[in-house]
Amino acid sequence: QVQKVTMPARPFLGVSDDDRDDILDVIQARIQSRIQGNV
């Protein structure tokens, strides 16, 4: 039984460097498939 509780930040949402690379890979693969004629 307390007057206040301090919660530490535990971030789970966001874009990591690996996420950014994966997103760019997905976009690049889609663009490449368009360039190669897979319309």
PDB file of all heavy atoms in Angstrom:
ATOM      1  N   GLN A   1       0.867  -1.167   0.000  1.00  0.00           N
ATOM      2  CA  GLN A   1       0.000   0.000   0.000  1.00  0.00           C
ATOM      3  C   GLN A   1       0.908   1.222   0.000  1.00  0.00           C
ATOM      4  O   GLN A   1       1.668   1.426   0.940  1.00  0.00           O
ATOM      5  CB  GLN A   1      -0.898  -0.019   1.228  1.00  0.00           C
ATOM      6  CG  GLN A   1      -2.018   0.950   1.151  1.00  0.00           C
ATOM      7  CD  GLN A   1      -3.089   0.649   2.194  1.00  0.00           C
ATOM      8  OE1 GLN A   1      -3.268  -0.490   2.615  1.00  0.00           O
ATOM      9  NE2 GLN A   1      -3.804   1.681   2.590  1.00  0.00           N
ATOM     10  N   VAL A   2       0.863   1.996  -1.098  1.00  0.00           N
ATOM     11  CA  VAL A   2       1.781   3.113  -1.282  1.00  0.00           C
ATOM     12  C   VAL A   2       1.025   4.318  -1.852  1.00  0.00           C
ATOM     13  O   VAL A   2      -0.096   4.191  -2.340  1.00  0.00           O
ATOM     14  CB  VAL A   2       2.954   2.729  -2.213  1.00  0.00           C
ATOM     15  CG1 VAL A   2       3.800   1.612  -1.626  1.00  0.00           C
ATOM     16  CG2 VAL A   2       2.437   2.323  -3.585  1.00  0.00           C
ATOM     17  N   GLN A   3       1.658   5.475  -1.804  1.00  0.00           N
ATOM     18  CA  GLN A   3       1.077   6.687  -2.378  1.00  0.00           C
ATOM     19  C   GLN A   3       1.396   6.829  -3.865  1.00  0.00           C
ATOM     20  O   GLN A   3       0.643   7.431  -4.605  1.00  0.00           O
ATOM     21  CB  GLN A   3       1.582   7.933  -1.625  1.00  0.00           C
ATOM     22  CG  GLN A   3       1.083   7.996  -0.198  1.00  0.00           C
ATOM     23  CD  GLN A   3      -0.439   8.027  -0.146  1.00  0.00           C
ATOM     24  OE1 GLN A   3      -1.066   8.856  -0.785  1.00  0.00           O
ATOM     25  NE2 GLN A   3      -1.019   7.100   0.582  1.00  0.00           N
ATOM     26  N   LYS A   4       2.531   6.266  -4.265  1.00  0.00           N
ATOM     27  CA  LYS A   4       2.900   6.332  -5.676  1.00  0.00           C
ATOM     28  C   LYS A   4       3.814   5.164  -6.026  1.00  0.00           C
ATOM     29  O   LYS A   4       4.463   4.581  -5.154  1.00  0.00           O
ATOM     30  CB  LYS A   4       3.585   7.647  -6.021  1.00  0.00           C
ATOM     31  CG  LYS A   4       4.977   7.791  -5.466  1.00  0.00           C
ATOM     32  CD  LYS A   4       5.609   9.094  -5.936  1.00  0.00           C
ATOM     33  CE  LYS A   4       7.037   9.164  -5.416  1.00  0.00           C
ATOM     34  NZ  LYS A   4       7.750  10.313  -5.936  1.00  0.00           N
ATOM     35  N   VAL A   5       3.826   4.857  -7.291  1.00  0.00           N
ATOM     36  CA  VAL A   5       4.688   3.806  -7.831  1.00  0.00           C
ATOM     37  C   VAL A   5       5.427   4.405  -9.020  1.00  0.00           C
ATOM     38  O   VAL A   5       4.828   5.082  -9.857  1.00  0.00           O
ATOM     39  CB  VAL A   5       3.864   2.586  -8.302  1.00  0.00           C
ATOM     40  CG1 VAL A   5       4.753   1.569  -8.988  1.00  0.00           C
ATOM     41  CG2 VAL A   5       3.116   1.956  -7.158  1.00  0.00           C
ATOM     42  N   THR A   6       6.727   4.180  -9.088  1.00  0.00           N
ATOM     43  CA  THR A   6       7.519   4.630 -10.229  1.00  0.00           C
ATOM     44  C   THR A   6       7.782   3.437 -11.133  1.00  0.00           C
ATOM     45  O   THR A   6       8.367   2.441 -10.707  1.00  0.00           O
ATOM     46  CB  THR A   6       8.844   5.261  -9.774  1.00  0.00           C
ATOM     47  OG1 THR A   6       8.548   6.355  -8.905  1.00  0.00           O
ATOM     48  CG2 THR A   6       9.655   5.744 -10.957  1.00  0.00           C
ATOM     49  N   MET A   7       7.310   3.570 -12.362  1.00  0.00           N
ATOM     50  CA  MET A   7       7.484   2.500 -13.345  1.00  0.00           C
ATOM     51  C   MET A   7       8.640   2.873 -14.257  1.00  0.00           C
ATOM     52  O   MET A   7       8.653   3.973 -14.823  1.00  0.00           O
ATOM     53  CB  MET A   7       6.216   2.349 -14.195  1.00  0.00           C
ATOM     54  CG  MET A   7       4.955   2.062 -13.410  1.00  0.00           C
ATOM     55  SD  MET A   7       4.887   0.379 -12.826  1.00  0.00           S
ATOM     56  CE  MET A   7       4.695  -0.493 -14.353  1.00  0.00           C
ATOM     57  N   PRO A   8       9.607   1.983 -14.438  1.00  0.00           N
ATOM     58  CA  PRO A   8      10.682   2.270 -15.396  1.00  0.00           C
ATOM     59  C   PRO A   8      10.154   2.107 -16.829  1.00  0.00           C
ATOM     60  O   PRO A   8       9.216   1.356 -17.073  1.00  0.00           O
ATOM     61  CB  PRO A   8      11.727   1.197 -15.082  1.00  0.00           C
ATOM     62  CG  PRO A   8      10.946   0.063 -14.508  1.00  0.00           C
ATOM     63  CD  PRO A   8       9.781   0.685 -13.777  1.00  0.00           C
ATOM     64  N   ALA A   9      10.747   2.820 -17.735  1.00  0.00           N
ATOM     65  CA  ALA A   9      10.386   2.661 -19.151  1.00  0.00           C
ATOM     66  C   ALA A   9      10.880   1.305 -19.634  1.00  0.00           C
ATOM     67  O   ALA A   9      12.008   0.905 -19.351  1.00  0.00           O
ATOM     68  CB  ALA A   9      11.014   3.779 -19.978  1.00  0.00           C
ATOM     69  N   ARG A  10      10.002   0.617 -20.322  1.00  0.00           N
ATOM     70  CA  ARG A  10      10.346  -0.649 -20.965  1.00  0.00           C
ATOM     71  C   ARG A  10       9.799  -0.591 -22.390  1.00  0.00           C
ATOM     72  O   ARG A  10       8.766  -1.175 -22.707  1.00  0.00           O
ATOM     73  CB  ARG A  10       9.757  -1.821 -20.189  1.00  0.00           C
ATOM     74  CG  ARG A  10      10.336  -1.964 -18.788  1.00  0.00           C
ATOM     75  CD  ARG A  10       9.746  -3.163 -18.070  1.00  0.00           C
ATOM     76  NE  ARG A  10      10.329  -3.313 -16.759  1.00  0.00           N
ATOM     77  CZ  ARG A  10       9.691  -3.060 -15.602  1.00  0.00           C
ATOM     78  NH1 ARG A  10       8.449  -2.612 -15.605  1.00  0.00           N
ATOM     79  NH2 ARG A  10      10.300  -3.244 -14.451  1.00  0.00           N
ATOM     80  N   PRO A  11      10.490   0.140 -23.253  1.00  0.00           N
ATOM     81  CA  PRO A  11       9.959   0.360 -24.602  1.00  0.00           C
ATOM     82  C   PRO A  11       9.879  -0.931 -25.414  1.00  0.00           C
ATOM     83  O   PRO A  11      10.809  -1.731 -25.422  1.00  0.00           O
ATOM     84  CB  PRO A  11      10.940   1.348 -25.228  1.00  0.00           C
ATOM     85  CG  PRO A  11      12.140   1.336 -24.358  1.00  0.00           C
ATOM     86  CD  PRO A  11      11.761   0.804 -23.020  1.00  0.00           C
ATOM     87  N   PHE A  12       8.744  -1.103 -26.042  1.00  0.00           N
ATOM     88  CA  PHE A  12       8.538  -2.258 -26.914  1.00  0.00           C
ATOM     89  C   PHE A  12       8.139  -1.814 -28.314  1.00  0.00           C
ATOM     90  O   PHE A  12       8.286  -2.553 -29.263  1.00  0.00           O
ATOM     91  CB  PHE A  12       7.477  -3.211 -26.332  1.00  0.00           C
ATOM     92  CG  PHE A  12       6.233  -2.520 -25.857  1.00  0.00           C
ATOM     93  CD1 PHE A  12       5.184  -2.304 -26.709  1.00  0.00           C
ATOM     94  CD2 PHE A  12       6.138  -2.097 -24.544  1.00  0.00           C
ATOM     95  CE1 PHE A  12       4.042  -1.656 -26.273  1.00  0.00           C
ATOM     96  CE2 PHE A  12       4.998  -1.457 -24.095  1.00  0.00           C
ATOM     97  CZ  PHE A  12       3.940  -1.235 -24.956  1.00  0.00           C
ATOM     98  N   LEU A  13       7.622  -0.595 -28.453  1.00  0.00           N
ATOM     99  CA  LEU A  13       7.266  -0.059 -29.761  1.00  0.00           C
ATOM    100  C   LEU A  13       8.407   0.797 -30.289  1.00  0.00           C
ATOM    101  O   LEU A  13       9.066   1.493 -29.521  1.00  0.00           O
ATOM    102  CB  LEU A  13       6.003   0.786 -29.671  1.00  0.00           C
ATOM    103  CG  LEU A  13       4.726   0.034 -29.348  1.00  0.00           C
ATOM    104  CD1 LEU A  13       3.598   1.009 -29.080  1.00  0.00           C
ATOM    105  CD2 LEU A  13       4.361  -0.927 -30.468  1.00  0.00           C
ATOM    106  N   GLY A  14       8.601   0.751 -31.572  1.00  0.00           N
ATOM    107  CA  GLY A  14       9.648   1.546 -32.191  1.00  0.00           C
ATOM    108  C   GLY A  14      10.268   0.784 -33.343  1.00  0.00           C
ATOM    109  O   GLY A  14       9.922  -0.367 -33.614  1.00  0.00           O
ATOM    110  N   VAL A  15      11.177   1.424 -34.018  1.00  0.00           N
ATOM    111  CA  VAL A  15      11.850   0.827 -35.173  1.00  0.00           C
ATOM    112  C   VAL A  15      13.340   0.761 -34.864  1.00  0.00           C
ATOM    113  O   VAL A  15      13.995   1.784 -34.712  1.00  0.00           O
ATOM    114  CB  VAL A  15      11.592   1.654 -36.453  1.00  0.00           C
ATOM    115  CG1 VAL A  15      12.348   1.069 -37.633  1.00  0.00           C
ATOM    116  CG2 VAL A  15      10.101   1.728 -36.748  1.00  0.00           C
ATOM    117  N   SER A  16      13.834  -0.446 -34.744  1.00  0.00           N
ATOM    118  CA  SER A  16      15.268  -0.645 -34.490  1.00  0.00           C
ATOM    119  C   SER A  16      16.038  -0.506 -35.796  1.00  0.00           C
ATOM    120  O   SER A  16      15.450  -0.434 -36.885  1.00  0.00           O
ATOM    121  CB  SER A  16      15.508  -2.035 -33.890  1.00  0.00           C
ATOM    122  OG  SER A  16      15.264  -3.036 -34.870  1.00  0.00           O
ATOM    123  N   ASP A  17      17.352  -0.510 -35.692  1.00  0.00           N
ATOM    124  CA  ASP A  17      18.179  -0.482 -36.902  1.00  0.00           C
ATOM    125  C   ASP A  17      17.904  -1.700 -37.775  1.00  0.00           C
ATOM    126  O   ASP A  17      17.824  -1.597 -39.001  1.00  0.00           O
ATOM    127  CB  ASP A  17      19.669  -0.419 -36.542  1.00  0.00           C
ATOM    128  CG  ASP A  17      20.073   0.915 -35.947  1.00  0.00           C
ATOM    129  OD1 ASP A  17      19.311   1.905 -36.085  1.00  0.00           O
ATOM    130  OD2 ASP A  17      21.159   0.979 -35.329  1.00  0.00           O
ATOM    131  N   ASP A  18      17.747  -2.875 -37.147  1.00  0.00           N
ATOM    132  CA  ASP A  18      17.434  -4.087 -37.907  1.00  0.00           C
ATOM    133  C   ASP A  18      16.063  -3.974 -38.575  1.00  0.00           C
ATOM    134  O   ASP A  18      15.889  -4.408 -39.717  1.00  0.00           O
ATOM    135  CB  ASP A  18      17.471  -5.325 -37.013  1.00  0.00           C
ATOM    136  CG  ASP A  18      18.881  -5.736 -36.625  1.00  0.00           C
ATOM    137  OD1 ASP A  18      19.852  -5.292 -37.288  1.00  0.00           O
ATOM    138  OD2 ASP A  18      19.027  -6.500 -35.651  1.00  0.00           O
ATOM    139  N   ASP A  19      15.088  -3.409 -37.841  1.00  0.00           N
ATOM    140  CA  ASP A  19      13.755  -3.215 -38.428  1.00  0.00           C
ATOM    141  C   ASP A  19      13.848  -2.318 -39.655  1.00  0.00           C
ATOM    142  O   ASP A  19      13.246  -2.605 -40.695  1.00  0.00           O
ATOM    143  CB  ASP A  19      12.798  -2.553 -37.425  1.00  0.00           C
ATOM    144  CG  ASP A  19      12.502  -3.409 -36.217  1.00  0.00           C
ATOM    145  OD1 ASP A  19      12.634  -4.634 -36.300  1.00  0.00           O
ATOM    146  OD2 ASP A  19      12.123  -2.816 -35.176  1.00  0.00           O
ATOM    147  N   ARG A  20      14.585  -1.232 -39.528  1.00  0.00           N
ATOM    148  CA  ARG A  20      14.743  -0.290 -40.636  1.00  0.00           C
ATOM    149  C   ARG A  20      15.340  -1.003 -41.846  1.00  0.00           C
ATOM    150  O   ARG A  20      14.853  -0.852 -42.976  1.00  0.00           O
ATOM    151  CB  ARG A  20      15.632   0.886 -40.223  1.00  0.00           C
ATOM    152  CG  ARG A  20      15.845   1.922 -41.317  1.00  0.00           C
ATOM    153  CD  ARG A  20      16.810   3.027 -40.890  1.00  0.00           C
ATOM    154  NE  ARG A  20      18.008   2.555 -40.218  1.00  0.00           N
ATOM    155  CZ  ARG A  20      19.093   2.061 -40.842  1.00  0.00           C
ATOM    156  NH1 ARG A  20      19.128   1.991 -42.141  1.00  0.00           N
ATOM    157  NH2 ARG A  20      20.142   1.645 -40.150  1.00  0.00           N
ATOM    158  N   ASP A  21      16.369  -1.806 -41.617  1.00  0.00           N
ATOM    159  CA  ASP A  21      16.988  -2.551 -42.711  1.00  0.00           C
ATOM    160  C   ASP A  21      15.999  -3.528 -43.347  1.00  0.00           C
ATOM    161  O   ASP A  21      15.949  -3.663 -44.577  1.00  0.00           O
ATOM    162  CB  ASP A  21      18.228  -3.298 -42.224  1.00  0.00           C
ATOM    163  CG  ASP A  21      19.369  -2.375 -41.838  1.00  0.00           C
ATOM    164  OD1 ASP A  21      19.340  -1.174 -42.206  1.00  0.00           O
ATOM    165  OD2 ASP A  21      20.292  -2.845 -41.131  1.00  0.00           O
ATOM    166  N   ASP A  22      15.209  -4.220 -42.507  1.00  0.00           N
ATOM    167  CA  ASP A  22      14.221  -5.169 -43.031  1.00  0.00           C
ATOM    168  C   ASP A  22      13.147  -4.454 -43.854  1.00  0.00           C
ATOM    169  O   ASP A  22      12.721  -4.947 -44.903  1.00  0.00           O
ATOM    170  CB  ASP A  22      13.564  -5.949 -41.889  1.00  0.00           C
ATOM    171  CG  ASP A  22      14.518  -6.926 -41.211  1.00  0.00           C
ATOM    172  OD1 ASP A  22      15.587  -7.229 -41.785  1.00  0.00           O
ATOM    173  OD2 ASP A  22      14.189  -7.383 -40.093  1.00  0.00           O
ATOM    174  N   ILE A  23      12.699  -3.298 -43.369  1.00  0.00           N
ATOM    175  CA  ILE A  23      11.692  -2.524 -44.101  1.00  0.00           C
ATOM    176  C   ILE A  23      12.248  -2.080 -45.452  1.00  0.00           C
ATOM    177  O   ILE A  23      11.582  -2.209 -46.484  1.00  0.00           O
ATOM    178  CB  ILE A  23      11.225  -1.319 -43.255  1.00  0.00           C
ATOM    179  CG1 ILE A  23      10.389  -1.813 -42.065  1.00  0.00           C
ATOM    180  CG2 ILE A  23      10.438  -0.326 -44.106  1.00  0.00           C
ATOM    181  CD1 ILE A  23      10.132  -0.753 -41.010  1.00  0.00           C
ATOM    182  N   LEU A  24      13.469  -1.581 -45.445  1.00  0.00           N
ATOM    183  CA  LEU A  24      14.092  -1.168 -46.713  1.00  0.00           C
ATOM    184  C   LEU A  24      14.271  -2.351 -47.653  1.00  0.00           C
ATOM    185  O   LEU A  24      14.098  -2.213 -48.867  1.00  0.00           O
ATOM    186  CB  LEU A  24      15.426  -0.473 -46.447  1.00  0.00           C
ATOM    187  CG  LEU A  24      15.326   0.896 -45.773  1.00  0.00           C
ATOM    188  CD1 LEU A  24      16.712   1.433 -45.432  1.00  0.00           C
ATOM    189  CD2 LEU A  24      14.565   1.884 -46.646  1.00  0.00           C
ATOM    190  N   ASP A  25      14.592  -3.528 -47.109  1.00  0.00           N
ATOM    191  CA  ASP A  25      14.723  -4.728 -47.943  1.00  0.00           C
ATOM    192  C   ASP A  25      13.397  -5.092 -48.606  1.00  0.00           C
ATOM    193  O   ASP A  25      13.359  -5.472 -49.787  1.00  0.00           O
ATOM    194  CB  ASP A  25      15.230  -5.916 -47.114  1.00  0.00           C
ATOM    195  CG  ASP A  25      16.700  -5.816 -46.747  1.00  0.00           C
ATOM    196  OD1 ASP A  25      17.418  -4.963 -47.326  1.00  0.00           O
ATOM    197  OD2 ASP A  25      17.129  -6.582 -45.851  1.00  0.00           O
ATOM    198  N   VAL A  26      12.303  -4.998 -47.853  1.00  0.00           N
ATOM    199  CA  VAL A  26      10.976  -5.298 -48.403  1.00  0.00           C
ATOM    200  C   VAL A  26      10.650  -4.325 -49.533  1.00  0.00           C
ATOM    201  O   VAL A  26      10.191  -4.729 -50.610  1.00  0.00           O
ATOM    202  CB  VAL A  26       9.894  -5.229 -47.300  1.00  0.00           C
ATOM    203  CG1 VAL A  26       8.498  -5.142 -47.887  1.00  0.00           C
ATOM    204  CG2 VAL A  26      10.006  -6.434 -46.383  1.00  0.00           C
ATOM    205  N   ILE A  27      10.878  -3.054 -49.290  1.00  0.00           N
ATOM    206  CA  ILE A  27      10.592  -2.041 -50.312  1.00  0.00           C
ATOM    207  C   ILE A  27      11.462  -2.261 -51.540  1.00  0.00           C
ATOM    208  O   ILE A  27      10.980  -2.228 -52.679  1.00  0.00           O
ATOM    209  CB  ILE A  27      10.780  -0.625 -49.729  1.00  0.00           C
ATOM    210  CG1 ILE A  27       9.734  -0.365 -48.639  1.00  0.00           C
ATOM    211  CG2 ILE A  27      10.718   0.425 -50.831  1.00  0.00           C
ATOM    212  CD1 ILE A  27       9.996   0.879 -47.809  1.00  0.00           C
ATOM    213  N   GLN A  28      12.740  -2.529 -51.311  1.00  0.00           N
ATOM    214  CA  GLN A  28      13.660  -2.752 -52.434  1.00  0.00           C
ATOM    215  C   GLN A  28      13.251  -3.980 -53.239  1.00  0.00           C
ATOM    216  O   GLN A  28      13.290  -3.958 -54.469  1.00  0.00           O
ATOM    217  CB  GLN A  28      15.085  -2.908 -51.926  1.00  0.00           C
ATOM    218  CG  GLN A  28      16.092  -3.110 -53.035  1.00  0.00           C
ATOM    219  CD  GLN A  28      17.523  -3.229 -52.517  1.00  0.00           C
ATOM    220  OE1 GLN A  28      17.784  -3.073 -51.346  1.00  0.00           O
ATOM    221  NE2 GLN A  28      18.434  -3.507 -53.415  1.00  0.00           N
ATOM    222  N   ALA A  29      12.838  -5.045 -52.558  1.00  0.00           N
ATOM    223  CA  ALA A  29      12.426  -6.263 -53.264  1.00  0.00           C
ATOM    224  C   ALA A  29      11.191  -5.997 -54.126  1.00  0.00           C
ATOM    225  O   ALA A  29      11.097  -6.486 -55.264  1.00  0.00           O
ATOM    226  CB  ALA A  29      12.146  -7.381 -52.265  1.00  0.00           C
ATOM    227  N   ARG A  30      10.239  -5.213 -53.618  1.00  0.00           N
ATOM    228  CA  ARG A  30       9.046  -4.882 -54.396  1.00  0.00           C
ATOM    229  C   ARG A  30       9.406  -4.044 -55.619  1.00  0.00           C
ATOM    230  O   ARG A  30       8.904  -4.277 -56.720  1.00  0.00           O
ATOM    231  CB  ARG A  30       8.034  -4.129 -53.541  1.00  0.00           C
ATOM    232  CG  ARG A  30       7.396  -4.957 -52.462  1.00  0.00           C
ATOM    233  CD  ARG A  30       6.444  -5.964 -53.057  1.00  0.00           C
ATOM    234  NE  ARG A  30       5.768  -6.657 -51.969  1.00  0.00           N
ATOM    235  CZ  ARG A  30       4.675  -7.351 -52.107  1.00  0.00           C
ATOM    236  NH1 ARG A  30       4.120  -7.461 -53.296  1.00  0.00           N
ATOM    237  NH2 ARG A  30       4.131  -7.937 -51.079  1.00  0.00           N
ATOM    238  N   ILE A  31      10.256  -3.069 -55.430  1.00  0.00           N
ATOM    239  CA  ILE A  31      10.683  -2.228 -56.551  1.00  0.00           C
ATOM    240  C   ILE A  31      11.432  -3.071 -57.574  1.00  0.00           C
ATOM    241  O   ILE A  31      11.187  -2.976 -58.778  1.00  0.00           O
ATOM    242  CB  ILE A  31      11.542  -1.048 -56.055  1.00  0.00           C
ATOM    243  CG1 ILE A  31      10.675  -0.060 -55.266  1.00  0.00           C
ATOM    244  CG2 ILE A  31      12.232  -0.351 -57.230  1.00  0.00           C
ATOM    245  CD1 ILE A  31      11.470   1.010 -54.545  1.00  0.00           C
ATOM    246  N   GLN A  32      12.334  -3.918 -57.111  1.00  0.00           N
ATOM    247  CA  GLN A  32      13.117  -4.763 -58.013  1.00  0.00           C
ATOM    248  C   GLN A  32      12.212  -5.693 -58.810  1.00  0.00           C
ATOM    249  O   GLN A  32      12.422  -5.892 -60.008  1.00  0.00           O
ATOM    250  CB  GLN A  32      14.153  -5.568 -57.219  1.00  0.00           C
ATOM    251  CG  GLN A  32      15.185  -6.255 -58.080  1.00  0.00           C
ATOM    252  CD  GLN A  32      16.067  -5.267 -58.815  1.00  0.00           C
ATOM    253  OE1 GLN A  32      16.417  -4.215 -58.307  1.00  0.00           O
ATOM    254  NE2 GLN A  32      16.422  -5.604 -60.033  1.00  0.00           N
ATOM    255  N   SER A  33      11.184  -6.239 -58.158  1.00  0.00           N
ATOM    256  CA  SER A  33      10.286  -7.129 -58.892  1.00  0.00           C
ATOM    257  C   SER A  33       9.529  -6.360 -59.970  1.00  0.00           C
ATOM    258  O   SER A  33       9.251  -6.903 -61.042  1.00  0.00           O
ATOM    259  CB  SER A  33       9.307  -7.823 -57.936  1.00  0.00           C
ATOM    260  OG  SER A  33       8.319  -6.941 -57.474  1.00  0.00           O
ATOM    261  N   ARG A  34       9.229  -5.092 -59.721  1.00  0.00           N
ATOM    262  CA  ARG A  34       8.568  -4.264 -60.734  1.00  0.00           C
ATOM    263  C   ARG A  34       9.517  -3.972 -61.896  1.00  0.00           C
ATOM    264  O   ARG A  34       9.124  -4.012 -63.052  1.00  0.00           O
ATOM    265  CB  ARG A  34       8.086  -2.940 -60.128  1.00  0.00           C
ATOM    266  CG  ARG A  34       7.014  -3.084 -59.087  1.00  0.00           C
ATOM    267  CD  ARG A  34       5.697  -3.475 -59.742  1.00  0.00           C
ATOM    268  NE  ARG A  34       4.652  -3.599 -58.754  1.00  0.00           N
ATOM    269  CZ  ARG A  34       3.470  -3.024 -58.851  1.00  0.00           C
ATOM    270  NH1 ARG A  34       3.191  -2.253 -59.891  1.00  0.00           N
ATOM    271  NH2 ARG A  34       2.569  -3.201 -57.920  1.00  0.00           N
ATOM    272  N   ILE A  35      10.752  -3.664 -61.577  1.00  0.00           N
ATOM    273  CA  ILE A  35      11.738  -3.364 -62.625  1.00  0.00           C
ATOM    274  C   ILE A  35      11.983  -4.577 -63.505  1.00  0.00           C
ATOM    275  O   ILE A  35      12.130  -4.460 -64.713  1.00  0.00           O
ATOM    276  CB  ILE A  35      13.056  -2.872 -61.992  1.00  0.00           C
ATOM    277  CG1 ILE A  35      12.854  -1.476 -61.375  1.00  0.00           C
ATOM    278  CG2 ILE A  35      14.189  -2.835 -63.009  1.00  0.00           C
ATOM    279  CD1 ILE A  35      14.015  -1.002 -60.525  1.00  0.00           C
ATOM    280  N   GLN A  36      11.997  -5.756 -62.902  1.00  0.00           N
ATOM    281  CA  GLN A  36      12.282  -6.970 -63.657  1.00  0.00           C
ATOM    282  C   GLN A  36      11.059  -7.477 -64.421  1.00  0.00           C
ATOM    283  O   GLN A  36      11.105  -8.540 -65.017  1.00  0.00           O
ATOM    284  CB  GLN A  36      12.809  -8.052 -62.716  1.00  0.00           C
ATOM    285  CG  GLN A  36      14.179  -7.718 -62.176  1.00  0.00           C
ATOM    286  CD  GLN A  36      14.662  -8.698 -61.127  1.00  0.00           C
ATOM    287  OE1 GLN A  36      13.899  -9.485 -60.586  1.00  0.00           O
ATOM    288  NE2 GLN A  36      15.941  -8.642 -60.837  1.00  0.00           N
ATOM    289  N   GLY A  37       9.967  -6.725 -64.354  1.00  0.00           N
ATOM    290  CA  GLY A  37       8.827  -7.069 -65.185  1.00  0.00           C
ATOM    291  C   GLY A  37       7.758  -7.888 -64.522  1.00  0.00           C
ATOM    292  O   GLY A  37       6.786  -8.274 -65.169  1.00  0.00           O
ATOM    293  N   ASN A  38       7.880  -8.163 -63.278  1.00  0.00           N
ATOM    294  CA  ASN A  38       6.818  -8.891 -62.569  1.00  0.00           C
ATOM    295  C   ASN A  38       5.781  -7.875 -62.140  1.00  0.00           C
ATOM    296  O   ASN A  38       5.654  -7.534 -60.986  1.00  0.00           O
ATOM    297  CB  ASN A  38       7.390  -9.640 -61.365  1.00  0.00           C
ATOM    298  CG  ASN A  38       6.375 -10.537 -60.707  1.00  0.00           C
ATOM    299  OD1 ASN A  38       5.232 -10.607 -61.138  1.00  0.00           O
ATOM    300  ND2 ASN A  38       6.792 -11.204 -59.653  1.00  0.00           N
ATOM    301  N   VAL A  39       5.027  -7.359 -63.087  1.00  0.00           N
ATOM    302  CA  VAL A  39       4.118  -6.241 -62.856  1.00  0.00           C
ATOM    303  C   VAL A  39       2.963  -6.580 -61.930  1.00  0.00           C
ATOM    304  O   VAL A  39       2.282  -5.702 -61.436  1.00  0.00           O
ATOM    305  CB  VAL A  39       3.562  -5.641 -64.179  1.00  0.00           C
ATOM    306  CG1 VAL A  39       4.695  -5.061 -64.987  1.00  0.00           C
ATOM    307  CG2 VAL A  39       2.781  -6.679 -64.957  1.00  0.00           C
TER     308      VAL A  39
END
